[in-house]
Every structure is written in structure tokens, then in C-alpha cells.
C-alpha atoms as a PDB file:
ATOM      1  CA  UNK A   1      91.364  92.739  76.070  1.00  0.00           C
ATOM      2  CA  UNK A   2      90.422  89.555  77.893  1.00  0.00           C
ATOM      3  CA  UNK A   3      91.088  86.126  76.494  1.00  0.00           C
ATOM      4  CA  UNK A   4      87.998  84.021  77.126  1.00  0.00           C
ATOM      5  CA  UNK A   5      87.615  80.516  75.805  1.00  0.00           C
ATOM      6  CA  UNK A   6      84.310  78.935  74.980  1.00  0.00           C
ATOM      7  CA  UNK A   7      83.231  76.059  77.259  1.00  0.00           C
ATOM      8  CA  UNK A   8      84.006  73.615  74.428  1.00  0.00           C
ATOM      9  CA  UNK A   9      87.586  74.852  73.965  1.00  0.00           C
ATOM     10  CA  UNK A  10      88.151  74.793  77.731  1.00  0.00           C
ATOM     11  CA  UNK A  11      87.208  71.102  77.976  1.00  0.00           C
ATOM     12  CA  UNK A  12      89.475  70.234  75.045  1.00  0.00           C
ATOM     13  CA  UNK A  13      92.391  72.167  76.536  1.00  0.00           C
ATOM     14  CA  UNK A  14      91.964  70.439  79.898  1.00  0.00           C
ATOM     15  CA  UNK A  15      91.867  66.874  78.568  1.00  0.00           C
ATOM     16  CA  UNK A  16      95.319  65.326  78.453  1.00  0.00           C
ATOM     17  CA  UNK A  17      96.082  62.295  76.299  1.00  0.00           C
ATOM     18  CA  UNK A  18      95.762  58.954  78.057  1.00  0.00           C
ATOM     19  CA  UNK A  19      99.195  57.609  78.963  1.00  0.00           C
ATOM     20  CA  UNK A  20      99.733  54.810  81.494  1.00  0.00           C
ATOM     21  CA  UNK A  21     103.148  53.262  82.163  1.00  0.00           C
ATOM     22  CA  UNK A  22     102.732  49.490  81.823  1.00  0.00           C
ATOM     23  CA  UNK A  23     106.220  48.016  81.363  1.00  0.00           C
ATOM     24  CA  UNK A  24     109.917  48.835  81.448  1.00  0.00           C
ATOM     25  CA  UNK A  25     112.576  46.743  79.705  1.00  0.00           C
ATOM     26  CA  UNK A  26     116.366  46.959  79.923  1.00  0.00           C
ATOM     27  CA  UNK A  27     118.195  46.077  76.710  1.00  0.00           C
ATOM     28  CA  UNK A  28     121.968  45.993  76.216  1.00  0.00           C
ATOM     29  CA  UNK A  29     123.343  48.100  73.376  1.00  0.00           C
ATOM     30  CA  UNK A  30     125.437  45.761  71.234  1.00  0.00           C
ATOM     31  CA  UNK A  31     128.552  46.766  69.309  1.00  0.00           C
ATOM     32  CA  UNK A  32     126.798  45.618  66.124  1.00  0.00           C
ATOM     33  CA  UNK A  33     123.916  48.060  66.754  1.00  0.00           C
ATOM     34  CA  UNK A  34     126.166  50.944  65.697  1.00  0.00           C
ATOM     35  CA  UNK A  35     126.662  52.136  62.148  1.00  0.00           C
ATOM     36  CA  UNK A  36     129.587  53.707  60.290  1.00  0.00           C
ATOM     37  CA  UNK A  37     128.896  57.079  61.928  1.00  0.00           C
ATOM     38  CA  UNK A  38     129.588  55.567  65.357  1.00  0.00           C
ATOM     39  CA  UNK A  39     126.123  55.792  66.882  1.00  0.00           C
ATOM     40  CA  UNK A  40     123.265  53.299  67.167  1.00  0.00           C
ATOM     41  CA  UNK A  41     121.614  52.951  63.756  1.00  0.00           C
ATOM     42  CA  UNK A  42     118.072  54.314  63.548  1.00  0.00           C
ATOM     43  CA  UNK A  43     116.615  50.889  62.723  1.00  0.00           C
ATOM     44  CA  UNK A  44     117.842  49.563  66.076  1.00  0.00           C
ATOM     45  CA  UNK A  45     115.583  51.979  67.970  1.00  0.00           C
ATOM     46  CA  UNK A  46     112.617  50.175  66.380  1.00  0.00           C
ATOM     47  CA  UNK A  47     114.144  46.833  67.391  1.00  0.00           C
ATOM     48  CA  UNK A  48     114.500  48.023  70.991  1.00  0.00           C
ATOM     49  CA  UNK A  49     110.823  49.029  71.018  1.00  0.00           C
ATOM     50  CA  UNK A  50     109.877  45.707  69.406  1.00  0.00           C
ATOM     51  CA  UNK A  51     111.830  43.652  71.959  1.00  0.00           C
ATOM     52  CA  UNK A  52     110.284  45.579  74.851  1.00  0.00           C
ATOM     53  CA  UNK A  53     106.802  45.115  73.340  1.00  0.00           C
ATOM     54  CA  UNK A  54     107.347  41.336  72.913  1.00  0.00           C
ATOM     55  CA  UNK A  55     108.623  41.078  76.502  1.00  0.00           C
ATOM     56  CA  UNK A  56     105.598  43.036  77.734  1.00  0.00           C
ATOM     57  CA  UNK A  57     103.156  40.834  75.813  1.00  0.00           C
ATOM     58  CA  UNK A  58     104.707  37.569  76.991  1.00  0.00           C
ATOM     59  CA  UNK A  59     105.588  38.521  80.579  1.00  0.00           C
ATOM     60  CA  UNK A  60     102.777  40.880  81.570  1.00  0.00           C
ATOM     61  CA  UNK A  61      99.908  40.043  79.231  1.00  0.00           C
ATOM     62  CA  UNK A  62     100.745  36.352  79.018  1.00  0.00           C
ATOM     63  CA  UNK A  63     100.482  35.888  75.262  1.00  0.00           C
ATOM     64  CA  UNK A  64     101.523  36.766  71.750  1.00  0.00           C
ATOM     65  CA  UNK A  65      98.318  35.253  70.467  1.00  0.00           C
ATOM     66  CA  UNK A  66      96.830  31.793  70.137  1.00  0.00           C
ATOM     67  CA  UNK A  67      98.219  30.925  66.713  1.00  0.00           C
ATOM     68  CA  UNK A  68      95.007  31.898  64.941  1.00  0.00           C
ATOM     69  CA  UNK A  69      94.996  35.476  66.164  1.00  0.00           C
ATOM     70  CA  UNK A  70      97.397  37.937  67.662  1.00  0.00           C
ATOM     71  CA  UNK A  71      98.826  41.442  67.703  1.00  0.00           C
ATOM     72  CA  UNK A  72     100.131  43.261  64.638  1.00  0.00           C
ATOM     73  CA  UNK A  73     101.366  46.812  64.189  1.00  0.00           C
ATOM     74  CA  UNK A  74      99.448  48.995  61.769  1.00  0.00           C
ATOM     75  CA  UNK A  75     101.819  51.923  62.181  1.00  0.00           C
ATOM     76  CA  UNK A  76     105.030  52.776  64.000  1.00  0.00           C
ATOM     77  CA  UNK A  77     107.021  55.965  64.331  1.00  0.00           C
ATOM     78  CA  UNK A  78     110.045  57.200  66.207  1.00  0.00           C
ATOM     79  CA  UNK A  79     111.355  60.663  66.981  1.00  0.00           C
ATOM     80  CA  UNK A  80     115.124  60.569  67.487  1.00  0.00           C
ATOM     81  CA  UNK A  81     116.137  63.111  70.114  1.00  0.00           C
ATOM     82  CA  UNK A  82     119.723  62.109  71.020  1.00  0.00           C
ATOM     83  CA  UNK A  83     122.305  59.634  69.767  1.00  0.00           C
ATOM     84  CA  UNK A  84     122.751  56.342  71.586  1.00  0.00           C
ATOM     85  CA  UNK A  85     126.240  54.831  71.628  1.00  0.00           C
ATOM     86  CA  UNK A  86     127.874  51.589  72.715  1.00  0.00           C
ATOM     87  CA  UNK A  87     128.425  50.549  75.482  1.00  0.00           C
ATOM     88  CA  UNK A  88     125.303  50.980  77.544  1.00  0.00           C
ATOM     89  CA  UNK A  89     121.852  49.769  78.430  1.00  0.00           C
ATOM     90  CA  UNK A  90     118.665  51.183  76.956  1.00  0.00           C
ATOM     91  CA  UNK A  91     115.666  51.479  79.219  1.00  0.00           C
ATOM     92  CA  UNK A  92     112.482  51.232  77.144  1.00  0.00           C
ATOM     93  CA  UNK A  93     109.333  52.436  78.897  1.00  0.00           C
ATOM     94  CA  UNK A  94     106.025  51.370  77.383  1.00  0.00           C
ATOM     95  CA  UNK A  95     102.873  53.367  77.936  1.00  0.00           C
ATOM     96  CA  UNK A  96      99.340  52.446  76.863  1.00  0.00           C
ATOM     97  CA  UNK A  97      96.993  55.131  75.650  1.00  0.00           C
ATOM     98  CA  UNK A  98      93.531  54.684  74.207  1.00  0.00           C
ATOM     99  CA  UNK A  99      92.149  51.145  74.126  1.00  0.00           C
ATOM    100  CA  UNK A 100      89.518  50.410  71.497  1.00  0.00           C
ATOM    101  CA  UNK A 101      87.535  47.387  70.387  1.00  0.00           C
ATOM    102  CA  UNK A 102      90.447  45.707  68.609  1.00  0.00           C
ATOM    103  CA  UNK A 103      93.340  48.106  69.126  1.00  0.00           C
ATOM    104  CA  UNK A 104      95.500  49.951  71.597  1.00  0.00           C
ATOM    105  CA  UNK A 105      97.801  52.922  71.274  1.00  0.00           C
ATOM    106  CA  UNK A 106     101.301  52.378  72.642  1.00  0.00           C
ATOM    107  CA  UNK A 107     103.956  54.981  73.346  1.00  0.00           C
ATOM    108  CA  UNK A 108     107.637  54.462  74.106  1.00  0.00           C
ATOM    109  CA  UNK A 109     110.457  56.360  75.768  1.00  0.00           C
ATOM    110  CA  UNK A 110     114.041  55.242  75.244  1.00  0.00           C
ATOM    111  CA  UNK A 111     116.577  56.305  77.861  1.00  0.00           C
ATOM    112  CA  UNK A 112     120.044  55.185  78.875  1.00  0.00           C
ATOM    113  CA  UNK A 113     120.009  53.446  82.250  1.00  0.00           C
ATOM    114  CA  UNK A 114     122.952  55.612  83.346  1.00  0.00           C
ATOM    115  CA  UNK A 115     121.029  58.792  82.349  1.00  0.00           C
ATOM    116  CA  UNK A 116     117.422  57.995  83.333  1.00  0.00           C
ATOM    117  CA  UNK A 117     116.291  61.639  83.215  1.00  0.00           C
ATOM    118  CA  UNK A 118     117.247  62.049  79.542  1.00  0.00           C
ATOM    119  CA  UNK A 119     114.917  60.811  76.790  1.00  0.00           C
ATOM    120  CA  UNK A 120     116.888  59.666  73.737  1.00  0.00           C
ATOM    121  CA  UNK A 121     113.899  58.771  71.566  1.00  0.00           C
ATOM    122  CA  UNK A 122     110.111  58.694  71.675  1.00  0.00           C
ATOM    123  CA  UNK A 123     107.990  56.271  69.712  1.00  0.00           C
ATOM    124  CA  UNK A 124     104.387  55.360  69.029  1.00  0.00           C
ATOM    125  CA  UNK A 125     102.660  52.337  67.544  1.00  0.00           C
ATOM    126  CA  UNK A 126      99.094  51.211  67.080  1.00  0.00           C
ATOM    127  CA  UNK A 127      98.656  47.537  67.944  1.00  0.00           C
ATOM    128  CA  UNK A 128      95.629  45.769  66.447  1.00  0.00           C
ATOM    129  CA  UNK A 129      94.459  42.263  67.332  1.00  0.00           C
ATOM    130  CA  UNK A 130      93.762  40.333  64.118  1.00  0.00           C
ATOM    131  CA  UNK A 131      92.480  37.003  62.893  1.00  0.00           C
ATOM    132  CA  UNK A 132      95.346  35.695  60.763  1.00  0.00           C
ATOM    133  CA  UNK A 133      93.151  33.481  58.564  1.00  0.00           C
ATOM    134  CA  UNK A 134      90.549  36.192  57.938  1.00  0.00           C
ATOM    135  CA  UNK A 135      93.155  38.975  57.731  1.00  0.00           C
ATOM    136  CA  UNK A 136      90.951  41.398  59.627  1.00  0.00           C
ATOM    137  CA  UNK A 137      90.732  42.939  63.062  1.00  0.00           C
ATOM    138  CA  UNK A 138      88.867  41.178  65.839  1.00  0.00           C
ATOM    139  CA  UNK A 139      87.991  42.209  69.385  1.00  0.00           C
ATOM    140  CA  UNK A 140      90.834  42.227  71.892  1.00  0.00           C
ATOM    141  CA  UNK A 141      90.629  39.021  73.941  1.00  0.00           C
ATOM    142  CA  UNK A 142      89.027  39.628  77.334  1.00  0.00           C
ATOM    143  CA  UNK A 143      92.079  38.325  79.229  1.00  0.00           C
ATOM    144  CA  UNK A 144      94.214  40.948  77.441  1.00  0.00           C
ATOM    145  CA  UNK A 145      91.650  43.732  77.831  1.00  0.00           C
ATOM    146  CA  UNK A 146      91.349  43.038  81.568  1.00  0.00           C
ATOM    147  CA  UNK A 147      95.086  43.698  82.008  1.00  0.00           C
ATOM    148  CA  UNK A 148      95.133  47.002  80.124  1.00  0.00           C
ATOM    149  CA  UNK A 149      94.624  50.337  81.880  1.00  0.00           C
ATOM    150  CA  UNK A 150      91.069  51.381  81.054  1.00  0.00           C
ATOM    151  CA  UNK A 151      90.536  48.263  78.931  1.00  0.00           C
ATOM    152  CA  UNK A 152      88.078  46.554  81.259  1.00  0.00           C
ATOM    153  CA  UNK A 153      85.763  49.572  81.131  1.00  0.00           C
ATOM    154  CA  UNK A 154      85.486  49.506  77.316  1.00  0.00           C
ATOM    155  CA  UNK A 155      81.953  48.838  76.056  1.00  0.00           C
ATOM    156  CA  UNK A 156      82.071  47.205  72.637  1.00  0.00           C
ATOM    157  CA  UNK A 157      79.316  48.766  70.489  1.00  0.00           C
ATOM    158  CA  UNK A 158      79.376  45.703  68.198  1.00  0.00           C
ATOM    159  CA  UNK A 159      78.321  43.421  71.084  1.00  0.00           C
ATOM    160  CA  UNK A 160      74.997  45.215  71.673  1.00  0.00           C
END
């Protein structure tokens, strides 16, 4: 028996998710990051991702917003693969996936700098640019979009 896929299923199987490395941060593991079990507490993994994201926004994208608008997370998740322990340095790699009108998908890999081939955790977050006064999403600023992989090629259907 042969296993033939329809043309539609072949195109789906061949398309890989968008994932572009955009930033890498090195963050020291602090003694206080550990919990009573002797490993880094799960909440600290989110803090490592947050610190890397803030560094990326300020150093590479040049902004955290203009005071009236800026980035917020609408979801965040982390898959814990291995335990981190003090002492050490966490290398947080940030990847950008799909870029939309007002949002971008971000992915994270957490590794120890002394074991760069081992992933300790993987995370994801959707970042949405919002108007703080209106409490709703707005289009990503052009200067941000221009610095995102694939962002400059986005055609906003609301601008037509």
C-alpha cells in the first residue's frame, strides 16, 4: 500500500513555523533564585525571559514604548526541561515568529552558558502593542516593524 498525501497536506507538512533568532542575553543565576528544593524556582524562568525581552526591546529595538503606547504580553508559557542551579549563567535566546498588525510571536530557549548545547527550558509569549489610554491594540510602530524579521513586508489590511 502506498502512502500518498494530497497536495494540500504536502504543503502543510512542508511549511515550518517561522523562527528567527533576534537576541541573546546572558543572565547570572543568583543564590536567591533557588527555592527550598535547591533548584531555580519556576517563576525565575519567566523573569529570565522577561529580562532578556526588556534588554532586546531597549538595546535592539530602541524602545519600550512612548509612554502612551507600548508592548504588553497577552500570554506566556514555559516548558521546563531540566533544572537550573546556582551558580551559573543562563543564556536566553529570543526568536521572533509571526509578525501581525499589532502583535508578534516570541519564542525563548534557556541554556546554561557552560552547556550551550542543552536546552533547560523553552518558552513562548505573544507581545501586543497597545494604546494604554484606550486599552486596545494598535499597529506596531513602523520603526519597530522595520527591525523585525519579516515585519517590513507586512501589509496592514486596515490601512487599505
